[in-house]
Every structure is written in C-alpha cells, then in structure tokens.
C-alpha cells in the first residue's frame, strides 16, 4: 500500500461525513463545480475522473452529459464513491484501461497527492481518444506549498523554497483542519507541471485561477491533439 493510499484510507470517513459537509470555500471539493463546467463543457461518452475520492464530482459530470468513471488508489475513499459512480481501484500511473478508450478525463485537487504526476498525465493521454479533453484543477503551485504562509489568505507571505520540489506533511496556514493538514502535499513548480502536460502530448487550451486576490487554485483545459503520436520523452 502506498503512503497516499494509507493516508486517505485513514481519513475517508472524516472526509465523507465531516469535510464534505462544510461550507464550500475555495479549495473545498464542492467549490469546483463552476470551474469544472466551464473548462470541460458539455459532451458525451466516458469521462474518467483521476483520483475520484468519494465521487463528489460525479453529479457535475453527469450534468454535462458525460458518463463518469472514477479511479482511485484508496479503497477507503472508493467505499463511499461506489454509490455515486462506477469505480476502479488502481494507481492512476498504471491505468487498467485500453488506449483511446475514454472521451475525456479530469483531475480535481489531486496532483499534490501524486509522487509522479507526470506519469499520471502520460497514462491519461494514453487512454484518451484523439481530440479528447482533459481538465486539471489543483492547488496553485505559485502560492501553495511549504514556502507559502496562508494564515491570512488576503496577505499570503512567500518565502524561499518555491523552486524546490518537496513534500510537506502539513501546510502552513489556511488549512488547519483540512485535507492537506491531514494528508500532506507534493509541491512542484509551475514549469514542471506545464512541461509534464506538453511531454504527455496534451495541448493547453484554457487557463483559469480561483480563490481570492492571491489565487489558491490553478485550473486548465487541455486536448489530446488529433493524430498525436502520444507521450514523448521528457526533457531534462
């Protein structure tokens, strides 16, 4: 069992019965519906949710005409998700799906849980059909991490450390009793995130930010170009 799976197995009941019932401030799972709808848009076919957790976004995906399919590494989270959407218990870096078998994919607030998000993006591109859409919504790498003190969200203090890839066991301020305070987070600088998309063969089409005057969330839409050769070897 991975550290991420163990962490989320341990908080699954709290997440479902406590955290999801809180007011949906920025960063809360129920706050991302508008971004998800705007960036993904209406469509048909299977939409894979990477790191679906308890399946809170399934209703939004169905509302867009999509057929949701979730994948998550945490059996505890999937125990709650199964009543909301079909699920796969698997590592998103090794998806048990055929090439080109899904029409769209989304990853909402999960890249900070994944030790190798680049591998996840390569797998996502592999299973996406040509022309398929991908939406990423996650903590903003420029303003969230061990280097960012968000005790006062409107006056975030940034210290040296942004360029260093790191994992923190607890965020500094702004998440005292949230998911990141319990599960930790991996930080990657913005260029690493964007280059991983490029290397996976996913072309960014839209960007958005959310969460106040110092954004807490970075979101983007991308597309697997028709006829794309697939993921390429990452550059140093």
C-alpha atoms as a PDB file:
ATOM      1  CA  UNK A   1       0.000   0.000   0.000  1.00  0.00           C
ATOM      2  CA  UNK A   2       1.325   3.444  -0.926  1.00  0.00           C
ATOM      3  CA  UNK A   3       1.625   6.272   1.591  1.00  0.00           C
ATOM      4  CA  UNK A   4      -1.114   8.169  -0.272  1.00  0.00           C
ATOM      5  CA  UNK A   5      -3.497   5.209  -0.125  1.00  0.00           C
ATOM      6  CA  UNK A   6      -2.832   4.747   3.589  1.00  0.00           C
ATOM      7  CA  UNK A   7      -3.356   8.457   4.301  1.00  0.00           C
ATOM      8  CA  UNK A   8      -6.695   8.596   2.504  1.00  0.00           C
ATOM      9  CA  UNK A   9      -7.897   5.268   3.876  1.00  0.00           C
ATOM     10  CA  UNK A  10      -7.314   6.805   7.282  1.00  0.00           C
ATOM     11  CA  UNK A  11      -9.384   9.939   6.636  1.00  0.00           C
ATOM     12  CA  UNK A  12     -12.090   8.544   4.317  1.00  0.00           C
ATOM     13  CA  UNK A  13     -14.911   8.590   6.874  1.00  0.00           C
ATOM     14  CA  UNK A  14     -13.938  12.061   8.143  1.00  0.00           C
ATOM     15  CA  UNK A  15     -13.775  13.318   4.526  1.00  0.00           C
ATOM     16  CA  UNK A  16     -17.228  11.972   3.654  1.00  0.00           C
ATOM     17  CA  UNK A  17     -19.105  12.778   6.848  1.00  0.00           C
ATOM     18  CA  UNK A  18     -17.360  15.951   8.065  1.00  0.00           C
ATOM     19  CA  UNK A  19     -15.259  17.693   5.425  1.00  0.00           C
ATOM     20  CA  UNK A  20     -17.755  17.461   2.558  1.00  0.00           C
ATOM     21  CA  UNK A  21     -20.479  18.978   4.741  1.00  0.00           C
ATOM     22  CA  UNK A  22     -18.537  22.174   5.400  1.00  0.00           C
ATOM     23  CA  UNK A  23     -19.265  25.424   3.598  1.00  0.00           C
ATOM     24  CA  UNK A  24     -17.668  25.204   0.129  1.00  0.00           C
ATOM     25  CA  UNK A  25     -14.927  27.846   0.369  1.00  0.00           C
ATOM     26  CA  UNK A  26     -12.159  27.958  -2.261  1.00  0.00           C
ATOM     27  CA  UNK A  27     -10.287  24.666  -2.325  1.00  0.00           C
ATOM     28  CA  UNK A  28     -13.247  22.691  -0.967  1.00  0.00           C
ATOM     29  CA  UNK A  29     -14.363  19.903  -3.342  1.00  0.00           C
ATOM     30  CA  UNK A  30     -17.855  21.365  -3.693  1.00  0.00           C
ATOM     31  CA  UNK A  31     -16.438  24.749  -4.764  1.00  0.00           C
ATOM     32  CA  UNK A  32     -15.037  23.470  -8.075  1.00  0.00           C
ATOM     33  CA  UNK A  33     -18.270  22.831  -9.962  1.00  0.00           C
ATOM     34  CA  UNK A  34     -18.278  26.151 -11.870  1.00  0.00           C
ATOM     35  CA  UNK A  35     -14.651  25.751 -12.983  1.00  0.00           C
ATOM     36  CA  UNK A  36     -15.206  22.159 -13.984  1.00  0.00           C
ATOM     37  CA  UNK A  37     -18.295  23.030 -16.015  1.00  0.00           C
ATOM     38  CA  UNK A  38     -16.614  25.999 -17.698  1.00  0.00           C
ATOM     39  CA  UNK A  39     -13.423  24.183 -18.666  1.00  0.00           C
ATOM     40  CA  UNK A  40     -14.850  20.778 -19.599  1.00  0.00           C
ATOM     41  CA  UNK A  41     -18.158  21.779 -21.145  1.00  0.00           C
ATOM     42  CA  UNK A  42     -20.941  19.543 -22.342  1.00  0.00           C
ATOM     43  CA  UNK A  43     -20.199  16.337 -24.180  1.00  0.00           C
ATOM     44  CA  UNK A  44     -20.875  12.636 -24.424  1.00  0.00           C
ATOM     45  CA  UNK A  45     -19.063   9.431 -23.633  1.00  0.00           C
ATOM     46  CA  UNK A  46     -16.935   8.225 -20.749  1.00  0.00           C
ATOM     47  CA  UNK A  47     -15.219  10.838 -18.582  1.00  0.00           C
ATOM     48  CA  UNK A  48     -12.503   9.391 -16.381  1.00  0.00           C
ATOM     49  CA  UNK A  49     -12.000  11.112 -13.034  1.00  0.00           C
ATOM     50  CA  UNK A  50      -8.415  10.656 -11.874  1.00  0.00           C
ATOM     51  CA  UNK A  51      -8.286  10.394  -8.086  1.00  0.00           C
ATOM     52  CA  UNK A  52     -12.067  10.462  -7.761  1.00  0.00           C
ATOM     53  CA  UNK A  53     -12.021  10.081  -3.982  1.00  0.00           C
ATOM     54  CA  UNK A  54     -15.589   9.700  -2.732  1.00  0.00           C
ATOM     55  CA  UNK A  55     -17.058  10.652  -6.118  1.00  0.00           C
ATOM     56  CA  UNK A  56     -18.257  14.137  -5.237  1.00  0.00           C
ATOM     57  CA  UNK A  57     -17.884  15.396  -8.848  1.00  0.00           C
ATOM     58  CA  UNK A  58     -19.916  12.605 -10.462  1.00  0.00           C
ATOM     59  CA  UNK A  59     -23.146  14.616 -10.487  1.00  0.00           C
ATOM     60  CA  UNK A  60     -21.417  17.569 -12.176  1.00  0.00           C
ATOM     61  CA  UNK A  61     -20.014  15.300 -14.882  1.00  0.00           C
ATOM     62  CA  UNK A  62     -23.424  13.722 -15.489  1.00  0.00           C
ATOM     63  CA  UNK A  63     -24.949  17.193 -15.678  1.00  0.00           C
ATOM     64  CA  UNK A  64     -22.598  17.889 -18.586  1.00  0.00           C
ATOM     65  CA  UNK A  65     -23.848  14.796 -20.415  1.00  0.00           C
ATOM     66  CA  UNK A  66     -20.794  12.726 -19.505  1.00  0.00           C
ATOM     67  CA  UNK A  67     -20.661   9.157 -18.206  1.00  0.00           C
ATOM     68  CA  UNK A  68     -18.356   9.288 -15.167  1.00  0.00           C
ATOM     69  CA  UNK A  69     -15.842   6.567 -14.338  1.00  0.00           C
ATOM     70  CA  UNK A  70     -13.655   7.004 -11.276  1.00  0.00           C
ATOM     71  CA  UNK A  71     -10.227   5.674 -10.405  1.00  0.00           C
ATOM     72  CA  UNK A  72      -8.531   6.000  -7.041  1.00  0.00           C
ATOM     73  CA  UNK A  73      -5.752   4.318  -5.085  1.00  0.00           C
ATOM     74  CA  UNK A  74      -7.657   4.496  -1.776  1.00  0.00           C
ATOM     75  CA  UNK A  75     -10.055   1.661  -1.043  1.00  0.00           C
ATOM     76  CA  UNK A  76     -11.478   3.674   1.863  1.00  0.00           C
ATOM     77  CA  UNK A  77     -12.450   6.598  -0.357  1.00  0.00           C
ATOM     78  CA  UNK A  78     -13.889   4.276  -3.011  1.00  0.00           C
ATOM     79  CA  UNK A  79     -16.113   2.654  -0.397  1.00  0.00           C
ATOM     80  CA  UNK A  80     -18.040   5.940  -0.319  1.00  0.00           C
ATOM     81  CA  UNK A  81     -17.745   6.594  -4.074  1.00  0.00           C
ATOM     82  CA  UNK A  82     -19.378   3.389  -5.285  1.00  0.00           C
ATOM     83  CA  UNK A  83     -22.872   4.736  -4.711  1.00  0.00           C
ATOM     84  CA  UNK A  84     -22.105   7.705  -6.977  1.00  0.00           C
ATOM     85  CA  UNK A  85     -20.260   6.281  -9.982  1.00  0.00           C
ATOM     86  CA  UNK A  86     -18.543   3.130 -11.319  1.00  0.00           C
ATOM     87  CA  UNK A  87     -15.000   2.941  -9.960  1.00  0.00           C
ATOM     88  CA  UNK A  88     -11.637   1.262 -10.482  1.00  0.00           C
ATOM     89  CA  UNK A  89      -9.300   0.612  -7.562  1.00  0.00           C
ATOM     90  CA  UNK A  90      -5.969   1.320  -9.255  1.00  0.00           C
ATOM     91  CA  UNK A  91      -2.898   3.524  -9.417  1.00  0.00           C
ATOM     92  CA  UNK A  92      -3.522   6.350 -11.901  1.00  0.00           C
ATOM     93  CA  UNK A  93       0.054   5.960 -13.136  1.00  0.00           C
ATOM     94  CA  UNK A  94      -0.876   2.448 -14.350  1.00  0.00           C
ATOM     95  CA  UNK A  95      -4.450   2.656 -15.566  1.00  0.00           C
ATOM     96  CA  UNK A  96      -6.205  -0.659 -16.328  1.00  0.00           C
ATOM     97  CA  UNK A  97      -7.774   0.801 -19.481  1.00  0.00           C
ATOM     98  CA  UNK A  98      -7.148   0.384 -23.196  1.00  0.00           C
ATOM     99  CA  UNK A  99      -5.538   3.047 -25.361  1.00  0.00           C
ATOM    100  CA  UNK A 100      -8.019   5.680 -26.561  1.00  0.00           C
ATOM    101  CA  UNK A 101     -10.862   4.212 -24.516  1.00  0.00           C
ATOM    102  CA  UNK A 102     -12.182   7.356 -22.784  1.00  0.00           C
ATOM    103  CA  UNK A 103     -13.598  10.544 -24.264  1.00  0.00           C
ATOM    104  CA  UNK A 104     -12.495  12.960 -21.538  1.00  0.00           C
ATOM    105  CA  UNK A 105     -10.639  12.991 -18.235  1.00  0.00           C
ATOM    106  CA  UNK A 106     -10.492  15.270 -15.212  1.00  0.00           C
ATOM    107  CA  UNK A 107      -8.157  15.558 -12.230  1.00  0.00           C
ATOM    108  CA  UNK A 108      -9.543  17.746  -9.457  1.00  0.00           C
ATOM    109  CA  UNK A 109      -7.344  18.662  -6.478  1.00  0.00           C
ATOM    110  CA  UNK A 110      -5.231  15.526  -6.733  1.00  0.00           C
ATOM    111  CA  UNK A 111      -1.878  16.349  -8.340  1.00  0.00           C
ATOM    112  CA  UNK A 112      -0.470  17.258  -4.912  1.00  0.00           C
ATOM    113  CA  UNK A 113      -1.235  13.701  -3.746  1.00  0.00           C
ATOM    114  CA  UNK A 114       0.757  12.020  -6.501  1.00  0.00           C
ATOM    115  CA  UNK A 115       4.505  11.385  -6.264  1.00  0.00           C
ATOM    116  CA  UNK A 116       4.769  11.144 -10.083  1.00  0.00           C
ATOM    117  CA  UNK A 117       2.087  13.315 -11.658  1.00  0.00           C
ATOM    118  CA  UNK A 118       3.981  13.297 -14.959  1.00  0.00           C
ATOM    119  CA  UNK A 119       3.420   9.531 -15.186  1.00  0.00           C
ATOM    120  CA  UNK A 120      -0.268  10.054 -14.424  1.00  0.00           C
ATOM    121  CA  UNK A 121      -0.537  12.593 -17.244  1.00  0.00           C
ATOM    122  CA  UNK A 122       1.179  10.212 -19.675  1.00  0.00           C
ATOM    123  CA  UNK A 123      -1.297   7.480 -18.755  1.00  0.00           C
ATOM    124  CA  UNK A 124      -4.193   9.900 -19.048  1.00  0.00           C
ATOM    125  CA  UNK A 125      -3.070  10.872 -22.550  1.00  0.00           C
ATOM    126  CA  UNK A 126      -2.707   7.210 -23.481  1.00  0.00           C
ATOM    127  CA  UNK A 127      -6.287   6.304 -22.552  1.00  0.00           C
ATOM    128  CA  UNK A 128      -7.796   9.485 -24.040  1.00  0.00           C
ATOM    129  CA  UNK A 129      -9.177   9.263 -27.548  1.00  0.00           C
ATOM    130  CA  UNK A 130      -7.724  11.539 -30.202  1.00  0.00           C
ATOM    131  CA  UNK A 131      -9.188  15.007 -29.651  1.00  0.00           C
ATOM    132  CA  UNK A 132     -10.262  14.110 -26.125  1.00  0.00           C
ATOM    133  CA  UNK A 133     -10.410  16.755 -23.389  1.00  0.00           C
ATOM    134  CA  UNK A 134      -8.528  16.891 -20.101  1.00  0.00           C
ATOM    135  CA  UNK A 135      -9.188  19.265 -17.205  1.00  0.00           C
ATOM    136  CA  UNK A 136      -6.784  19.840 -14.325  1.00  0.00           C
ATOM    137  CA  UNK A 137      -7.877  21.729 -11.205  1.00  0.00           C
ATOM    138  CA  UNK A 138      -5.378  21.894  -8.366  1.00  0.00           C
ATOM    139  CA  UNK A 139      -3.659  23.894  -5.673  1.00  0.00           C
ATOM    140  CA  UNK A 140      -1.815  26.812  -7.247  1.00  0.00           C
ATOM    141  CA  UNK A 141       1.895  25.896  -7.335  1.00  0.00           C
ATOM    142  CA  UNK A 142       2.953  29.551  -7.102  1.00  0.00           C
ATOM    143  CA  UNK A 143       1.006  30.299  -3.935  1.00  0.00           C
ATOM    144  CA  UNK A 144       0.655  26.977  -2.092  1.00  0.00           C
ATOM    145  CA  UNK A 145       3.449  24.944  -0.538  1.00  0.00           C
ATOM    146  CA  UNK A 146       5.866  24.866   2.352  1.00  0.00           C
ATOM    147  CA  UNK A 147       7.182  28.269   1.199  1.00  0.00           C
ATOM    148  CA  UNK A 148       3.740  29.955   1.375  1.00  0.00           C
ATOM    149  CA  UNK A 149       2.209  31.096   4.646  1.00  0.00           C
ATOM    150  CA  UNK A 150      -1.543  31.409   4.017  1.00  0.00           C
ATOM    151  CA  UNK A 151      -2.508  32.196   7.599  1.00  0.00           C
ATOM    152  CA  UNK A 152      -4.003  35.398   6.173  1.00  0.00           C
ATOM    153  CA  UNK A 153      -5.384  34.401   2.729  1.00  0.00           C
ATOM    154  CA  UNK A 154      -5.537  38.029   1.559  1.00  0.00           C
ATOM    155  CA  UNK A 155      -1.893  38.645   2.522  1.00  0.00           C
ATOM    156  CA  UNK A 156      -0.006  35.464   1.687  1.00  0.00           C
ATOM    157  CA  UNK A 157       3.664  35.540   2.704  1.00  0.00           C
ATOM    158  CA  UNK A 158       6.057  33.843   0.272  1.00  0.00           C
ATOM    159  CA  UNK A 159       9.471  32.656   1.430  1.00  0.00           C
ATOM    160  CA  UNK A 160      12.338  30.968  -0.447  1.00  0.00           C
ATOM    161  CA  UNK A 161      11.551  27.409  -1.472  1.00  0.00           C
ATOM    162  CA  UNK A 162       9.176  27.680  -4.448  1.00  0.00           C
ATOM    163  CA  UNK A 163      11.721  26.214  -6.898  1.00  0.00           C
ATOM    164  CA  UNK A 164      12.446  23.173  -4.730  1.00  0.00           C
ATOM    165  CA  UNK A 165      10.294  20.138  -5.396  1.00  0.00           C
ATOM    166  CA  UNK A 166       9.191  18.922  -1.971  1.00  0.00           C
ATOM    167  CA  UNK A 167       6.576  17.174   0.099  1.00  0.00           C
ATOM    168  CA  UNK A 168       5.130  18.674   3.253  1.00  0.00           C
ATOM    169  CA  UNK A 169       3.307  16.731   5.903  1.00  0.00           C
ATOM    170  CA  UNK A 170       1.304  19.821   6.881  1.00  0.00           C
ATOM    171  CA  UNK A 171       0.549  23.008   5.002  1.00  0.00           C
ATOM    172  CA  UNK A 172       1.496  26.316   6.606  1.00  0.00           C
ATOM    173  CA  UNK A 173      -1.659  28.222   7.464  1.00  0.00           C
ATOM    174  CA  UNK A 174      -5.021  28.313   5.727  1.00  0.00           C
ATOM    175  CA  UNK A 175      -5.693  24.575   6.074  1.00  0.00           C
ATOM    176  CA  UNK A 176      -5.532  23.952   9.797  1.00  0.00           C
ATOM    177  CA  UNK A 177      -8.203  21.235   9.770  1.00  0.00           C
ATOM    178  CA  UNK A 178      -8.415  20.440   6.075  1.00  0.00           C
ATOM    179  CA  UNK A 179      -7.237  17.660   3.805  1.00  0.00           C
ATOM    180  CA  UNK A 180      -3.691  18.980   3.347  1.00  0.00           C
ATOM    181  CA  UNK A 181      -3.197  19.215   7.103  1.00  0.00           C
ATOM    182  CA  UNK A 182      -4.045  15.513   7.320  1.00  0.00           C
ATOM    183  CA  UNK A 183      -2.678  14.055   4.086  1.00  0.00           C
ATOM    184  CA  UNK A 184       0.226  16.377   3.242  1.00  0.00           C
ATOM    185  CA  UNK A 185       1.083  17.542  -0.269  1.00  0.00           C
ATOM    186  CA  UNK A 186       3.691  17.307  -3.017  1.00  0.00           C
ATOM    187  CA  UNK A 187       4.856  20.652  -4.417  1.00  0.00           C
ATOM    188  CA  UNK A 188       6.052  21.102  -7.997  1.00  0.00           C
ATOM    189  CA  UNK A 189       6.976  24.467  -9.556  1.00  0.00           C
ATOM    190  CA  UNK A 190       4.681  25.693 -12.323  1.00  0.00           C
ATOM    191  CA  UNK A 191       7.087  24.903 -15.206  1.00  0.00           C
ATOM    192  CA  UNK A 192       7.309  21.277 -14.083  1.00  0.00           C
ATOM    193  CA  UNK A 193       3.521  20.974 -14.155  1.00  0.00           C
ATOM    194  CA  UNK A 194       3.144  22.613 -17.579  1.00  0.00           C
ATOM    195  CA  UNK A 195       6.073  20.722 -19.117  1.00  0.00           C
ATOM    196  CA  UNK A 196       4.581  17.441 -17.914  1.00  0.00           C
ATOM    197  CA  UNK A 197       1.441  18.264 -19.894  1.00  0.00           C
ATOM    198  CA  UNK A 198       3.491  19.072 -23.001  1.00  0.00           C
ATOM    199  CA  UNK A 199       5.528  15.883 -22.656  1.00  0.00           C
ATOM    200  CA  UNK A 200       2.333  13.837 -22.300  1.00  0.00           C
ATOM    201  CA  UNK A 201       1.039  15.202 -25.622  1.00  0.00           C
ATOM    202  CA  UNK A 202      -1.671  17.376 -24.054  1.00  0.00           C
ATOM    203  CA  UNK A 203      -2.048  20.871 -25.515  1.00  0.00           C
ATOM    204  CA  UNK A 204      -3.316  23.525 -23.081  1.00  0.00           C
ATOM    205  CA  UNK A 205      -6.312  25.436 -24.461  1.00  0.00           C
ATOM    206  CA  UNK A 206      -7.535  27.466 -21.463  1.00  0.00           C
ATOM    207  CA  UNK A 207      -6.204  28.664 -18.096  1.00  0.00           C
ATOM    208  CA  UNK A 208      -8.058  29.926 -15.024  1.00  0.00           C
ATOM    209  CA  UNK A 209      -7.340  30.873 -11.409  1.00  0.00           C
ATOM    210  CA  UNK A 210      -9.628  30.947  -8.394  1.00  0.00           C
ATOM    211  CA  UNK A 211      -9.523  31.694  -4.706  1.00  0.00           C
ATOM    212  CA  UNK A 212      -9.198  35.372  -3.899  1.00  0.00           C
ATOM    213  CA  UNK A 213      -6.655  38.086  -4.595  1.00  0.00           C
ATOM    214  CA  UNK A 214      -3.816  35.582  -4.169  1.00  0.00           C
ATOM    215  CA  UNK A 215      -5.212  32.555  -6.031  1.00  0.00           C
ATOM    216  CA  UNK A 216      -5.363  29.243  -4.206  1.00  0.00           C
ATOM    217  CA  UNK A 217      -6.355  27.267  -7.313  1.00  0.00           C
ATOM    218  CA  UNK A 218      -4.889  26.915 -10.806  1.00  0.00           C
ATOM    219  CA  UNK A 219      -7.079  25.244 -13.430  1.00  0.00           C
ATOM    220  CA  UNK A 220      -6.587  24.435 -17.083  1.00  0.00           C
ATOM    221  CA  UNK A 221      -8.168  22.669 -20.005  1.00  0.00           C
ATOM    222  CA  UNK A 222      -6.104  20.666 -22.475  1.00  0.00           C
ATOM    223  CA  UNK A 223      -6.686  18.485 -25.500  1.00  0.00           C
ATOM    224  CA  UNK A 224      -5.076  15.415 -26.958  1.00  0.00           C
ATOM    225  CA  UNK A 225      -4.382  16.619 -30.465  1.00  0.00           C
ATOM    226  CA  UNK A 226      -5.963  14.541 -33.239  1.00  0.00           C
ATOM    227  CA  UNK A 227      -3.347  12.205 -34.643  1.00  0.00           C
ATOM    228  CA  UNK A 228      -0.933  12.884 -31.758  1.00  0.00           C
ATOM    229  CA  UNK A 229       1.879  10.386 -31.604  1.00  0.00           C
ATOM    230  CA  UNK A 230       1.478  10.088 -27.834  1.00  0.00           C
ATOM    231  CA  UNK A 231       3.731  10.934 -24.914  1.00  0.00           C
ATOM    232  CA  UNK A 232       7.306  11.889 -25.684  1.00  0.00           C
ATOM    233  CA  UNK A 233      10.411  11.502 -23.596  1.00  0.00           C
ATOM    234  CA  UNK A 234      10.551  14.307 -21.018  1.00  0.00           C
ATOM    235  CA  UNK A 235      13.319  16.859 -21.396  1.00  0.00           C
ATOM    236  CA  UNK A 236      15.762  17.421 -18.528  1.00  0.00           C
END
